Amino acid sequence: MKEVMSSAAEAELAGLFHNGKDACPMRIAAEEMGHPQPPTPIVTDNSTAVGIANDDVKQKRSSPHETNISA
């Protein structure tokens, strides 16, 4: 990950996103080989990250420069 996160929940959410993105090619390959795939569960123990993902929790930004810093 090349982004700097301003909270543990944002870091957890970014990790979940990257893991889900990495799972897609494996799911597609398995389906193309004739192995139907059920929905892939993505699990976390961070309730704030779950709230952000489900749009139940609104993120607060203190300044625009915290949104994405790439190296």
C-alpha atoms as a PDB file:
ATOM      1  CA  MET A   1       0.000   0.000   0.000  1.00  0.00           C
ATOM      2  CA  LYS A   2       1.419   3.375  -0.957  1.00  0.00           C
ATOM      3  CA  GLU A   3      -1.165   5.487   0.828  1.00  0.00           C
ATOM      4  CA  VAL A   4      -0.852   7.037   4.270  1.00  0.00           C
ATOM      5  CA  MET A   5      -3.951   6.431   6.361  1.00  0.00           C
ATOM      6  CA  SER A   6      -5.065   8.797   9.087  1.00  0.00           C
ATOM      7  CA  SER A   7      -6.707   6.114  11.235  1.00  0.00           C
ATOM      8  CA  ALA A   8      -6.653   2.406  11.980  1.00  0.00           C
ATOM      9  CA  ALA A   9     -10.148   2.057  10.488  1.00  0.00           C
ATOM     10  CA  GLU A  10      -9.020   3.608   7.189  1.00  0.00           C
ATOM     11  CA  ALA A  11      -5.994   1.299   7.097  1.00  0.00           C
ATOM     12  CA  GLU A  12      -8.216  -1.711   7.785  1.00  0.00           C
ATOM     13  CA  LEU A  13     -10.663  -0.630   5.070  1.00  0.00           C
ATOM     14  CA  ALA A  14      -7.824  -0.181   2.564  1.00  0.00           C
ATOM     15  CA  GLY A  15      -6.525  -3.649   3.421  1.00  0.00           C
ATOM     16  CA  LEU A  16      -9.983  -5.150   2.913  1.00  0.00           C
ATOM     17  CA  PHE A  17     -10.257  -3.407  -0.452  1.00  0.00           C
ATOM     18  CA  HIS A  18      -6.874  -4.696  -1.627  1.00  0.00           C
ATOM     19  CA  ASN A  19      -7.641  -8.252  -0.451  1.00  0.00           C
ATOM     20  CA  GLY A  20     -10.996  -8.187  -2.243  1.00  0.00           C
ATOM     21  CA  LYS A  21      -9.338  -6.860  -5.388  1.00  0.00           C
ATOM     22  CA  ASP A  22      -6.741  -9.644  -5.245  1.00  0.00           C
ATOM     23  CA  ALA A  23      -9.454 -12.308  -4.837  1.00  0.00           C
ATOM     24  CA  CYS A  24     -11.279 -11.368  -8.064  1.00  0.00           C
ATOM     25  CA  PRO A  25      -8.862 -13.004 -10.559  1.00  0.00           C
ATOM     26  CA  MET A  26      -8.822 -16.225  -8.514  1.00  0.00           C
ATOM     27  CA  ARG A  27     -12.633 -16.322  -8.454  1.00  0.00           C
ATOM     28  CA  ILE A  28     -12.833 -15.698 -12.196  1.00  0.00           C
ATOM     29  CA  ALA A  29     -10.252 -18.426 -12.942  1.00  0.00           C
ATOM     30  CA  ALA A  30     -12.112 -20.949 -10.778  1.00  0.00           C
ATOM     31  CA  GLU A  31     -15.427 -20.099 -12.487  1.00  0.00           C
ATOM     32  CA  GLU A  32     -13.854 -20.413 -15.952  1.00  0.00           C
ATOM     33  CA  MET A  33     -12.589 -23.894 -14.989  1.00  0.00           C
ATOM     34  CA  GLY A  34     -16.155 -24.920 -14.130  1.00  0.00           C
ATOM     35  CA  HIS A  35     -16.117 -24.352 -10.371  1.00  0.00           C
ATOM     36  CA  PRO A  36     -19.000 -21.998  -9.492  1.00  0.00           C
ATOM     37  CA  GLN A  37     -18.125 -19.634  -6.659  1.00  0.00           C
ATOM     38  CA  PRO A  38     -20.433 -18.522  -3.864  1.00  0.00           C
ATOM     39  CA  PRO A  39     -20.128 -14.920  -2.655  1.00  0.00           C
ATOM     40  CA  THR A  40     -16.746 -14.381  -1.028  1.00  0.00           C
ATOM     41  CA  PRO A  41     -17.091 -13.251   2.584  1.00  0.00           C
ATOM     42  CA  ILE A  42     -14.833 -10.392   3.604  1.00  0.00           C
ATOM     43  CA  VAL A  43     -14.493 -10.272   7.375  1.00  0.00           C
ATOM     44  CA  THR A  44     -12.988  -7.719   9.746  1.00  0.00           C
ATOM     45  CA  ASP A  45     -13.013  -7.178  13.483  1.00  0.00           C
ATOM     46  CA  ASN A  46     -12.881  -3.385  13.164  1.00  0.00           C
ATOM     47  CA  SER A  47     -16.434  -2.112  13.703  1.00  0.00           C
ATOM     48  CA  THR A  48     -15.561   1.384  12.457  1.00  0.00           C
ATOM     49  CA  ALA A  49     -14.240  -0.024   9.172  1.00  0.00           C
ATOM     50  CA  VAL A  50     -17.466  -2.033   8.818  1.00  0.00           C
ATOM     51  CA  GLY A  51     -19.476   1.145   9.449  1.00  0.00           C
ATOM     52  CA  ILE A  52     -17.508   3.063   6.813  1.00  0.00           C
ATOM     53  CA  ALA A  53     -17.896   0.222   4.282  1.00  0.00           C
ATOM     54  CA  ASN A  54     -21.654   0.004   4.911  1.00  0.00           C
ATOM     55  CA  ASP A  55     -21.990   3.804   4.898  1.00  0.00           C
ATOM     56  CA  ASP A  56     -23.283   3.760   8.495  1.00  0.00           C
ATOM     57  CA  VAL A  57     -20.351   5.878   9.749  1.00  0.00           C
ATOM     58  CA  LYS A  58     -19.270   9.132   8.175  1.00  0.00           C
ATOM     59  CA  GLN A  59     -15.560   9.853   8.005  1.00  0.00           C
ATOM     60  CA  LYS A  60     -14.366  13.172   9.346  1.00  0.00           C
ATOM     61  CA  ARG A  61     -11.543  14.909   7.530  1.00  0.00           C
ATOM     62  CA  SER A  62      -9.601  17.644   9.241  1.00  0.00           C
ATOM     63  CA  SER A  63      -7.873  18.867   6.079  1.00  0.00           C
ATOM     64  CA  PRO A  64      -7.749  17.932   2.390  1.00  0.00           C
ATOM     65  CA  HIS A  65      -4.084  16.871   2.434  1.00  0.00           C
ATOM     66  CA  GLU A  66      -4.973  13.828   4.581  1.00  0.00           C
ATOM     67  CA  THR A  67      -7.113  12.212   1.890  1.00  0.00           C
ATOM     68  CA  ASN A  68      -4.375  10.563  -0.202  1.00  0.00           C
ATOM     69  CA  ILE A  69      -0.617  10.920  -0.050  1.00  0.00           C
ATOM     70  CA  SER A  70       1.194   8.768  -2.582  1.00  0.00           C
ATOM     71  CA  ALA A  71       4.913   8.175  -2.819  1.00  0.00           C
END
